[in-house]
Amino acid sequence: MNENLASIPHLEILPVIDLLEHERHDQQRTGPLIKRIMESGLWRNPPIVTPLQDRSQRYMILDGANRVTALRDLDIEHGVFQVVAPGDPGLKLYNWNHVIWNFDAAEILDGLESIKDVSVILGVTDYIGASNDQSLAKFETSRGDQYTFCSPVTDLVTRTSQLNAIVDIYKSKGSLDRTSEWSPVRLKTVYENLCGLMIFPKLEVKQVLFLAGRGCLLPTGITRFSVSPRALHINFPLEVMSAQISIEEKRNYLREFLNKRITQKGVRYYAEATYLFDE
């Protein structure tokens, strides 16, 4: 790699077919995104991926699944992605919780009866997802009633299927948002007809990689990957990504493109937290 490129995030042209999601996809956001991409003709913010550790040369999408879906819908075979190693010190995994409204909490509890090996305990455990804990998720209603959903099953794939079954109870009938809140108290002033808060277990990167490699998707909106540094606003020409040329030619174009941007001082590093208002 050119010395100028060594200090910036690792950007690479990859086949879209080699990318795997780790969460169920929300198709609603894809249409407007495709329109913006086509109107601009630019690939602005590259999705972030990490290689699976099974020597399959496949990658798991950490951030940007909607952009990858847009490429698939546009029949674009190759894209520019930021690649990070699973053990990169700048890669962190957090979890989102679900704030649920316009739904009856009793329906969630009733729906659990149809999920195999899942039981409900009134109250909460000290630590959701601990290695010696059978808890799958915690649910707290808007009134403050607390429940722990448990399973004796230890297999990660099966437990993920149970998590999906829990989320399926409310995701298509009620309304939900991702949130970093761990209590519904402050959410009451924001959401009318608040049902409650679903709190999910903390996962490790290696667990998510394991699931993705086996085609087992987590529920939508429960993982939050943080990557530092990350590349934004690269504005790579969409016509190059979609061109009927070899992937090596596209990779050569990307190297020249990045070198030119660096030489012309078109790349800037921000050490401080930054808010972008042109997304």
C-alpha atoms as a PDB file:
ATOM      1  CA  MET A   1       0.000   0.000   0.000  1.00  0.00           C
ATOM      2  CA  ASN A   2       1.197   3.508  -0.766  1.00  0.00           C
ATOM      3  CA  GLU A   3       2.716   5.222   2.277  1.00  0.00           C
ATOM      4  CA  ASN A   4       0.126   7.979   1.996  1.00  0.00           C
ATOM      5  CA  LEU A   5      -2.686   5.442   2.323  1.00  0.00           C
ATOM      6  CA  ALA A   6      -1.258   3.545   5.299  1.00  0.00           C
ATOM      7  CA  SER A   7      -2.545   5.962   7.937  1.00  0.00           C
ATOM      8  CA  ILE A   8      -6.152   6.250   6.755  1.00  0.00           C
ATOM      9  CA  PRO A   9      -8.980   3.707   7.273  1.00  0.00           C
ATOM     10  CA  HIS A  10      -8.538   0.642   5.059  1.00  0.00           C
ATOM     11  CA  LEU A  11     -10.823   1.033   2.037  1.00  0.00           C
ATOM     12  CA  GLU A  12     -11.232  -1.792  -0.432  1.00  0.00           C
ATOM     13  CA  ILE A  13     -13.332  -2.816  -3.426  1.00  0.00           C
ATOM     14  CA  LEU A  14     -15.167  -6.040  -2.532  1.00  0.00           C
ATOM     15  CA  PRO A  15     -17.757  -8.234  -4.280  1.00  0.00           C
ATOM     16  CA  VAL A  16     -21.189  -7.503  -2.810  1.00  0.00           C
ATOM     17  CA  ILE A  17     -22.002 -11.230  -2.999  1.00  0.00           C
ATOM     18  CA  ASP A  18     -19.357 -11.914  -0.333  1.00  0.00           C
ATOM     19  CA  LEU A  19     -21.045  -9.692   2.285  1.00  0.00           C
ATOM     20  CA  LEU A  20     -23.271 -11.115   5.005  1.00  0.00           C
ATOM     21  CA  GLU A  21     -25.809  -9.356   7.205  1.00  0.00           C
ATOM     22  CA  HIS A  22     -25.908 -10.157  10.901  1.00  0.00           C
ATOM     23  CA  GLU A  23     -29.370  -8.709  11.594  1.00  0.00           C
ATOM     24  CA  ARG A  24     -32.717  -9.002   9.885  1.00  0.00           C
ATOM     25  CA  HIS A  25     -33.097  -6.214   7.362  1.00  0.00           C
ATOM     26  CA  ASP A  26     -35.649  -3.388   7.435  1.00  0.00           C
ATOM     27  CA  GLN A  27     -36.604  -2.975   3.770  1.00  0.00           C
ATOM     28  CA  GLN A  28     -38.520   0.291   4.395  1.00  0.00           C
ATOM     29  CA  ARG A  29     -35.350   2.405   4.358  1.00  0.00           C
ATOM     30  CA  THR A  30     -33.914   1.036   1.112  1.00  0.00           C
ATOM     31  CA  GLY A  31     -36.147   2.820  -1.425  1.00  0.00           C
ATOM     32  CA  PRO A  32     -35.359   6.414  -0.364  1.00  0.00           C
ATOM     33  CA  LEU A  33     -31.683   5.511  -0.038  1.00  0.00           C
ATOM     34  CA  ILE A  34     -31.505   4.169  -3.598  1.00  0.00           C
ATOM     35  CA  LYS A  35     -33.050   7.394  -4.852  1.00  0.00           C
ATOM     36  CA  ARG A  36     -30.432   9.524  -3.051  1.00  0.00           C
ATOM     37  CA  ILE A  37     -27.564   7.382  -4.337  1.00  0.00           C
ATOM     38  CA  MET A  38     -28.784   7.496  -7.923  1.00  0.00           C
ATOM     39  CA  GLU A  39     -29.444  11.251  -7.844  1.00  0.00           C
ATOM     40  CA  SER A  40     -25.978  12.043  -6.481  1.00  0.00           C
ATOM     41  CA  GLY A  41     -24.089   9.457  -8.541  1.00  0.00           C
ATOM     42  CA  LEU A  42     -21.705   9.143  -5.587  1.00  0.00           C
ATOM     43  CA  TRP A  43     -20.885   6.525  -2.979  1.00  0.00           C
ATOM     44  CA  ARG A  44     -20.468   8.773   0.044  1.00  0.00           C
ATOM     45  CA  ASN A  45     -20.133   6.754   3.229  1.00  0.00           C
ATOM     46  CA  PRO A  46     -18.675   3.267   2.760  1.00  0.00           C
ATOM     47  CA  PRO A  47     -20.259   0.501   4.859  1.00  0.00           C
ATOM     48  CA  ILE A  48     -17.941  -1.106   7.402  1.00  0.00           C
ATOM     49  CA  VAL A  49     -17.211  -4.833   7.212  1.00  0.00           C
ATOM     50  CA  THR A  50     -15.019  -7.367   8.994  1.00  0.00           C
ATOM     51  CA  PRO A  51     -13.753 -10.704   7.655  1.00  0.00           C
ATOM     52  CA  LEU A  52     -15.253 -13.945   8.927  1.00  0.00           C
ATOM     53  CA  GLN A  53     -12.702 -16.160  10.628  1.00  0.00           C
ATOM     54  CA  ASP A  54     -13.569 -19.289   8.622  1.00  0.00           C
ATOM     55  CA  ARG A  55     -11.246 -18.670   5.633  1.00  0.00           C
ATOM     56  CA  SER A  56     -14.277 -18.347   3.363  1.00  0.00           C
ATOM     57  CA  GLN A  57     -13.224 -14.852   2.185  1.00  0.00           C
ATOM     58  CA  ARG A  58     -16.627 -13.587   3.271  1.00  0.00           C
ATOM     59  CA  TYR A  59     -17.252 -10.441   5.302  1.00  0.00           C
ATOM     60  CA  MET A  60     -19.852  -9.494   7.891  1.00  0.00           C
ATOM     61  CA  ILE A  61     -21.457  -6.060   7.631  1.00  0.00           C
ATOM     62  CA  LEU A  62     -20.916  -4.086  10.833  1.00  0.00           C
ATOM     63  CA  ASP A  63     -22.576  -0.883   9.696  1.00  0.00           C
ATOM     64  CA  GLY A  64     -24.336   0.052   6.459  1.00  0.00           C
ATOM     65  CA  ALA A  65     -26.592  -2.938   5.724  1.00  0.00           C
ATOM     66  CA  ASN A  66     -29.119  -0.655   4.012  1.00  0.00           C
ATOM     67  CA  ARG A  67     -26.427   0.664   1.661  1.00  0.00           C
ATOM     68  CA  VAL A  68     -25.371  -2.888   0.805  1.00  0.00           C
ATOM     69  CA  THR A  69     -28.996  -3.819   0.111  1.00  0.00           C
ATOM     70  CA  ALA A  70     -29.253  -0.766  -2.144  1.00  0.00           C
ATOM     71  CA  LEU A  71     -26.264  -2.016  -4.164  1.00  0.00           C
ATOM     72  CA  ARG A  72     -27.904  -5.421  -4.524  1.00  0.00           C
ATOM     73  CA  ASP A  73     -31.171  -3.863  -5.668  1.00  0.00           C
ATOM     74  CA  LEU A  74     -29.236  -1.783  -8.206  1.00  0.00           C
ATOM     75  CA  ASP A  75     -27.428  -4.927  -9.462  1.00  0.00           C
ATOM     76  CA  ILE A  76     -24.035  -3.384  -8.678  1.00  0.00           C
ATOM     77  CA  GLU A  77     -21.568  -6.236  -8.140  1.00  0.00           C
ATOM     78  CA  HIS A  78     -18.728  -4.368  -6.420  1.00  0.00           C
ATOM     79  CA  GLY A  79     -18.572  -1.598  -3.861  1.00  0.00           C
ATOM     80  CA  VAL A  80     -16.136   0.392  -1.733  1.00  0.00           C
ATOM     81  CA  PHE A  81     -16.082  -0.746   1.884  1.00  0.00           C
ATOM     82  CA  GLN A  82     -14.087   0.045   4.991  1.00  0.00           C
ATOM     83  CA  VAL A  83     -12.492  -3.158   6.292  1.00  0.00           C
ATOM     84  CA  VAL A  84     -11.596  -3.605   9.974  1.00  0.00           C
ATOM     85  CA  ALA A  85     -10.191  -6.671  11.724  1.00  0.00           C
ATOM     86  CA  PRO A  86     -12.418  -8.369  14.355  1.00  0.00           C
ATOM     87  CA  GLY A  87      -9.769  -7.651  16.991  1.00  0.00           C
ATOM     88  CA  ASP A  88      -9.144  -4.042  15.974  1.00  0.00           C
ATOM     89  CA  PRO A  89      -8.907  -1.885  19.153  1.00  0.00           C
ATOM     90  CA  GLY A  90     -11.127   0.706  17.470  1.00  0.00           C
ATOM     91  CA  LEU A  91     -13.998  -1.779  17.042  1.00  0.00           C
ATOM     92  CA  LYS A  92     -16.545  -1.875  19.874  1.00  0.00           C
ATOM     93  CA  LEU A  93     -19.876  -3.680  20.108  1.00  0.00           C
ATOM     94  CA  TYR A  94     -22.753  -2.260  22.132  1.00  0.00           C
ATOM     95  CA  ASN A  95     -26.420  -3.169  22.110  1.00  0.00           C
ATOM     96  CA  TRP A  96     -29.570  -1.266  21.331  1.00  0.00           C
ATOM     97  CA  ASN A  97     -32.805  -1.859  23.204  1.00  0.00           C
ATOM     98  CA  HIS A  98     -36.315  -1.530  21.782  1.00  0.00           C
ATOM     99  CA  VAL A  99     -38.775   1.081  22.944  1.00  0.00           C
ATOM    100  CA  ILE A 100     -42.255  -0.237  22.058  1.00  0.00           C
ATOM    101  CA  TRP A 101     -45.423   1.815  21.759  1.00  0.00           C
ATOM    102  CA  ASN A 102     -48.919   1.515  20.269  1.00  0.00           C
ATOM    103  CA  PHE A 103     -49.012  -2.048  21.568  1.00  0.00           C
ATOM    104  CA  ASP A 104     -50.458  -3.870  24.563  1.00  0.00           C
ATOM    105  CA  ALA A 105     -47.869  -5.287  26.932  1.00  0.00           C
ATOM    106  CA  ALA A 106     -50.203  -8.189  27.721  1.00  0.00           C
ATOM    107  CA  GLU A 107     -49.909  -9.348  24.096  1.00  0.00           C
ATOM    108  CA  ILE A 108     -46.158  -9.747  24.494  1.00  0.00           C
ATOM    109  CA  LEU A 109     -46.590 -11.924  27.568  1.00  0.00           C
ATOM    110  CA  ASP A 110     -49.352 -13.945  25.902  1.00  0.00           C
ATOM    111  CA  GLY A 111     -47.278 -14.415  22.751  1.00  0.00           C
ATOM    112  CA  LEU A 112     -44.464 -16.074  24.701  1.00  0.00           C
ATOM    113  CA  GLU A 113     -46.661 -19.131  25.261  1.00  0.00           C
ATOM    114  CA  SER A 114     -46.081 -20.212  21.652  1.00  0.00           C
ATOM    115  CA  ILE A 115     -42.264 -20.002  21.871  1.00  0.00           C
ATOM    116  CA  LYS A 116     -40.665 -23.319  22.765  1.00  0.00           C
ATOM    117  CA  ASP A 117     -38.553 -23.464  25.933  1.00  0.00           C
ATOM    118  CA  VAL A 118     -39.151 -19.812  26.848  1.00  0.00           C
ATOM    119  CA  SER A 119     -40.569 -18.960  30.267  1.00  0.00           C
ATOM    120  CA  VAL A 120     -41.382 -15.725  32.088  1.00  0.00           C
ATOM    121  CA  ILE A 121     -40.145 -14.750  35.531  1.00  0.00           C
ATOM    122  CA  LEU A 122     -41.614 -11.779  37.361  1.00  0.00           C
ATOM    123  CA  GLY A 123     -38.734  -9.455  38.215  1.00  0.00           C
ATOM    124  CA  VAL A 124     -35.268  -9.165  36.687  1.00  0.00           C
ATOM    125  CA  THR A 125     -31.910 -10.850  36.984  1.00  0.00           C
ATOM    126  CA  ASP A 126     -28.850  -8.816  37.938  1.00  0.00           C
ATOM    127  CA  TYR A 127     -27.138  -9.193  34.582  1.00  0.00           C
ATOM    128  CA  ILE A 128     -28.901 -10.052  31.357  1.00  0.00           C
ATOM    129  CA  GLY A 129     -26.755 -12.360  29.259  1.00  0.00           C
ATOM    130  CA  ALA A 130     -24.280 -13.483  31.917  1.00  0.00           C
ATOM    131  CA  SER A 131     -22.618 -16.821  31.124  1.00  0.00           C
ATOM    132  CA  ASN A 132     -24.397 -18.605  33.981  1.00  0.00           C
ATOM    133  CA  ASP A 133     -27.704 -16.859  33.335  1.00  0.00           C
ATOM    134  CA  GLN A 134     -30.604 -18.359  31.383  1.00  0.00           C
ATOM    135  CA  SER A 135     -32.150 -14.963  30.630  1.00  0.00           C
ATOM    136  CA  LEU A 136     -32.853 -14.044  27.012  1.00  0.00           C
ATOM    137  CA  ALA A 137     -34.178 -10.519  27.484  1.00  0.00           C
ATOM    138  CA  LYS A 138     -35.741  -8.230  30.037  1.00  0.00           C
ATOM    139  CA  PHE A 139     -39.046  -6.406  29.553  1.00  0.00           C
ATOM    140  CA  GLU A 140     -40.228  -3.454  31.613  1.00  0.00           C
ATOM    141  CA  THR A 141     -43.684  -2.021  31.037  1.00  0.00           C
ATOM    142  CA  SER A 142     -44.544   1.665  31.115  1.00  0.00           C
ATOM    143  CA  ARG A 143     -46.071   1.071  34.574  1.00  0.00           C
ATOM    144  CA  GLY A 144     -42.799  -0.321  35.885  1.00  0.00           C
ATOM    145  CA  ASP A 145     -43.676  -4.030  35.895  1.00  0.00           C
ATOM    146  CA  GLN A 146     -40.527  -6.033  35.180  1.00  0.00           C
ATOM    147  CA  TYR A 147     -40.210  -9.463  33.560  1.00  0.00           C
ATOM    148  CA  THR A 148     -37.292 -11.681  32.568  1.00  0.00           C
ATOM    149  CA  PHE A 149     -37.682 -14.039  29.600  1.00  0.00           C
ATOM    150  CA  CYS A 150     -35.617 -17.177  30.173  1.00  0.00           C
ATOM    151  CA  SER A 151     -34.538 -20.306  28.325  1.00  0.00           C
ATOM    152  CA  PRO A 152     -32.566 -23.351  29.520  1.00  0.00           C
ATOM    153  CA  VAL A 153     -31.159 -23.781  26.005  1.00  0.00           C
ATOM    154  CA  THR A 154     -27.446 -22.950  25.734  1.00  0.00           C
ATOM    155  CA  ASP A 155     -26.991 -23.262  21.949  1.00  0.00           C
ATOM    156  CA  LEU A 156     -26.407 -19.747  20.557  1.00  0.00           C
ATOM    157  CA  VAL A 157     -28.246 -20.381  17.275  1.00  0.00           C
ATOM    158  CA  THR A 158     -31.351 -21.640  19.091  1.00  0.00           C
ATOM    159  CA  ARG A 159     -31.293 -18.773  21.580  1.00  0.00           C
ATOM    160  CA  THR A 160     -31.055 -16.323  18.663  1.00  0.00           C
ATOM    161  CA  SER A 161     -34.134 -17.946  17.088  1.00  0.00           C
ATOM    162  CA  GLN A 162     -35.946 -17.494  20.404  1.00  0.00           C
ATOM    163  CA  LEU A 163     -34.943 -13.821  20.498  1.00  0.00           C
ATOM    164  CA  ASN A 164     -36.324 -13.376  16.986  1.00  0.00           C
ATOM    165  CA  ALA A 165     -39.576 -15.028  18.028  1.00  0.00           C
ATOM    166  CA  ILE A 166     -39.896 -12.582  20.926  1.00  0.00           C
ATOM    167  CA  VAL A 167     -39.341  -9.552  18.681  1.00  0.00           C
ATOM    168  CA  ASP A 168     -41.747 -10.973  16.072  1.00  0.00           C
ATOM    169  CA  ILE A 169     -44.559 -10.682  18.616  1.00  0.00           C
ATOM    170  CA  TYR A 170     -44.550  -6.886  18.460  1.00  0.00           C
ATOM    171  CA  LYS A 171     -42.438  -5.664  15.517  1.00  0.00           C
ATOM    172  CA  SER A 172     -45.153  -5.857  12.843  1.00  0.00           C
ATOM    173  CA  LYS A 173     -48.145  -4.949  15.034  1.00  0.00           C
ATOM    174  CA  GLY A 174     -46.771  -2.188  17.208  1.00  0.00           C
ATOM    175  CA  SER A 175     -44.220   0.589  16.737  1.00  0.00           C
ATOM    176  CA  LEU A 176     -40.598   0.367  17.836  1.00  0.00           C
ATOM    177  CA  ASP A 177     -37.437   2.437  17.927  1.00  0.00           C
ATOM    178  CA  ARG A 178     -33.892   1.608  18.886  1.00  0.00           C
ATOM    179  CA  THR A 179     -32.743   3.240  22.102  1.00  0.00           C
ATOM    180  CA  SER A 180     -29.761   3.220  24.438  1.00  0.00           C
ATOM    181  CA  GLU A 181     -32.063   3.769  27.419  1.00  0.00           C
ATOM    182  CA  TRP A 182     -32.201   1.029  30.071  1.00  0.00           C
ATOM    183  CA  SER A 183     -35.350   2.257  31.802  1.00  0.00           C
ATOM    184  CA  PRO A 184     -38.708   3.402  30.368  1.00  0.00           C
ATOM    185  CA  VAL A 185     -39.015   6.248  32.877  1.00  0.00           C
ATOM    186  CA  ARG A 186     -37.596   9.003  30.629  1.00  0.00           C
ATOM    187  CA  LEU A 187     -39.313   7.534  27.561  1.00  0.00           C
ATOM    188  CA  LYS A 188     -42.791   8.264  28.936  1.00  0.00           C
ATOM    189  CA  THR A 189     -42.487  11.950  28.060  1.00  0.00           C
ATOM    190  CA  VAL A 190     -41.416  11.169  24.491  1.00  0.00           C
ATOM    191  CA  TYR A 191     -43.724   8.333  23.423  1.00  0.00           C
ATOM    192  CA  GLU A 192     -47.491   8.470  23.671  1.00  0.00           C
ATOM    193  CA  ASN A 193     -49.155   5.131  24.364  1.00  0.00           C
ATOM    194  CA  LEU A 194     -45.832   3.693  25.549  1.00  0.00           C
ATOM    195  CA  CYS A 195     -45.928  -0.069  25.942  1.00  0.00           C
ATOM    196  CA  GLY A 196     -42.514  -0.623  27.483  1.00  0.00           C
ATOM    197  CA  LEU A 197     -38.839  -1.303  26.950  1.00  0.00           C
ATOM    198  CA  MET A 198     -37.267  -4.560  25.725  1.00  0.00           C
ATOM    199  CA  ILE A 199     -33.677  -4.930  26.925  1.00  0.00           C
ATOM    200  CA  PHE A 200     -31.405  -7.336  25.063  1.00  0.00           C
ATOM    201  CA  PRO A 201     -28.296  -9.282  26.092  1.00  0.00           C
ATOM    202  CA  LYS A 202     -24.801  -8.023  25.486  1.00  0.00           C
ATOM    203  CA  LEU A 203     -23.017  -9.945  22.744  1.00  0.00           C
ATOM    204  CA  GLU A 204     -19.387 -10.382  21.759  1.00  0.00           C
ATOM    205  CA  VAL A 205     -18.043  -9.726  18.252  1.00  0.00           C
ATOM    206  CA  LYS A 206     -17.002 -13.372  17.900  1.00  0.00           C
ATOM    207  CA  GLN A 207     -20.550 -14.505  18.701  1.00  0.00           C
ATOM    208  CA  VAL A 208     -22.053 -12.253  16.028  1.00  0.00           C
ATOM    209  CA  LEU A 209     -19.453 -13.471  13.497  1.00  0.00           C
ATOM    210  CA  PHE A 210     -20.311 -17.066  14.373  1.00  0.00           C
ATOM    211  CA  LEU A 211     -24.023 -16.458  13.798  1.00  0.00           C
ATOM    212  CA  ALA A 212     -23.512 -14.552  10.535  1.00  0.00           C
ATOM    213  CA  GLY A 213     -21.313 -17.307   9.144  1.00  0.00           C
ATOM    214  CA  ARG A 214     -24.124 -19.776   9.721  1.00  0.00           C
ATOM    215  CA  GLY A 215     -26.809 -17.555   8.235  1.00  0.00           C
ATOM    216  CA  CYS A 216     -28.474 -16.997  11.602  1.00  0.00           C
ATOM    217  CA  LEU A 217     -29.647 -13.376  11.789  1.00  0.00           C
ATOM    218  CA  LEU A 218     -30.191 -11.444  14.988  1.00  0.00           C
ATOM    219  CA  PRO A 219     -33.391  -9.388  15.414  1.00  0.00           C
ATOM    220  CA  THR A 220     -33.313  -6.045  13.647  1.00  0.00           C
ATOM    221  CA  GLY A 221     -31.849  -3.132  15.585  1.00  0.00           C
ATOM    222  CA  ILE A 222     -30.188  -4.766  18.601  1.00  0.00           C
ATOM    223  CA  THR A 223     -26.471  -4.426  17.758  1.00  0.00           C
ATOM    224  CA  ARG A 224     -24.525  -1.181  17.649  1.00  0.00           C
ATOM    225  CA  PHE A 225     -20.974  -1.313  16.320  1.00  0.00           C
ATOM    226  CA  SER A 226     -18.652   1.608  16.917  1.00  0.00           C
ATOM    227  CA  VAL A 227     -15.574   1.897  14.685  1.00  0.00           C
ATOM    228  CA  SER A 228     -12.782   4.441  15.091  1.00  0.00           C
ATOM    229  CA  PRO A 229     -11.476   5.836  12.874  1.00  0.00           C
ATOM    230  CA  ARG A 230     -14.029   5.597  10.110  1.00  0.00           C
ATOM    231  CA  ALA A 231     -14.127   6.953   6.573  1.00  0.00           C
ATOM    232  CA  LEU A 232     -16.959   9.314   5.618  1.00  0.00           C
ATOM    233  CA  HIS A 233     -17.798  11.402   2.561  1.00  0.00           C
ATOM    234  CA  ILE A 234     -15.376   9.658   0.211  1.00  0.00           C
ATOM    235  CA  ASN A 235     -17.675  10.559  -2.729  1.00  0.00           C
ATOM    236  CA  PHE A 236     -16.456   7.719  -4.919  1.00  0.00           C
ATOM    237  CA  PRO A 237     -18.023   7.660  -8.433  1.00  0.00           C
ATOM    238  CA  LEU A 238     -20.910   5.224  -8.618  1.00  0.00           C
ATOM    239  CA  GLU A 239     -20.207   4.701 -12.320  1.00  0.00           C
ATOM    240  CA  VAL A 240     -16.834   3.133 -11.484  1.00  0.00           C
ATOM    241  CA  MET A 241     -18.410   0.679  -9.044  1.00  0.00           C
ATOM    242  CA  SER A 242     -21.027  -0.331 -11.611  1.00  0.00           C
ATOM    243  CA  ALA A 243     -18.658  -0.378 -14.621  1.00  0.00           C
ATOM    244  CA  GLN A 244     -18.254  -3.637 -16.561  1.00  0.00           C
ATOM    245  CA  ILE A 245     -14.538  -3.919 -15.797  1.00  0.00           C
ATOM    246  CA  SER A 246     -12.571  -6.313 -13.596  1.00  0.00           C
ATOM    247  CA  ILE A 247     -12.423  -5.928  -9.845  1.00  0.00           C
ATOM    248  CA  GLU A 248      -8.643  -5.405 -10.087  1.00  0.00           C
ATOM    249  CA  GLU A 249      -9.188  -2.443 -12.413  1.00  0.00           C
ATOM    250  CA  LYS A 250     -11.631  -0.984  -9.917  1.00  0.00           C
ATOM    251  CA  ARG A 251      -9.152  -1.527  -7.088  1.00  0.00           C
ATOM    252  CA  ASN A 252      -6.444   0.266  -9.060  1.00  0.00           C
ATOM    253  CA  TYR A 253      -8.854   3.154  -9.679  1.00  0.00           C
ATOM    254  CA  LEU A 254      -9.607   3.326  -5.934  1.00  0.00           C
ATOM    255  CA  ARG A 255      -5.890   3.506  -5.045  1.00  0.00           C
ATOM    256  CA  GLU A 256      -5.346   6.305  -7.542  1.00  0.00           C
ATOM    257  CA  PHE A 257      -8.508   8.057  -6.365  1.00  0.00           C
ATOM    258  CA  LEU A 258      -7.373   8.003  -2.722  1.00  0.00           C
ATOM    259  CA  ASN A 259      -3.828   9.052  -3.567  1.00  0.00           C
ATOM    260  CA  LYS A 260      -5.128  12.026  -5.506  1.00  0.00           C
ATOM    261  CA  ARG A 261      -7.418  13.080  -2.657  1.00  0.00           C
ATOM    262  CA  ILE A 262      -4.531  12.889  -0.167  1.00  0.00           C
ATOM    263  CA  THR A 263      -2.090  14.700  -2.459  1.00  0.00           C
ATOM    264  CA  GLN A 264      -4.618  17.513  -2.950  1.00  0.00           C
ATOM    265  CA  LYS A 265      -5.166  17.658   0.834  1.00  0.00           C
ATOM    266  CA  GLY A 266      -8.736  16.509   0.399  1.00  0.00           C
ATOM    267  CA  VAL A 267      -8.667  14.230   3.453  1.00  0.00           C
ATOM    268  CA  ARG A 268      -9.070  15.611   6.963  1.00  0.00           C
ATOM    269  CA  TYR A 269      -8.891  13.801  10.306  1.00  0.00           C
ATOM    270  CA  TYR A 270     -11.158  14.909  13.170  1.00  0.00           C
ATOM    271  CA  ALA A 271     -10.016  13.671  16.581  1.00  0.00           C
ATOM    272  CA  GLU A 272     -13.028  15.122  18.378  1.00  0.00           C
ATOM    273  CA  ALA A 273     -16.598  13.827  18.268  1.00  0.00           C
ATOM    274  CA  THR A 274     -18.282  15.265  15.179  1.00  0.00           C
ATOM    275  CA  TYR A 275     -21.913  15.836  14.204  1.00  0.00           C
ATOM    276  CA  LEU A 276     -22.687  15.913  10.457  1.00  0.00           C
ATOM    277  CA  PHE A 277     -25.639  18.009   9.311  1.00  0.00           C
ATOM    278  CA  ASP A 278     -25.606  17.135   5.606  1.00  0.00           C
ATOM    279  CA  GLU A 279     -26.589  13.445   5.766  1.00  0.00           C
END
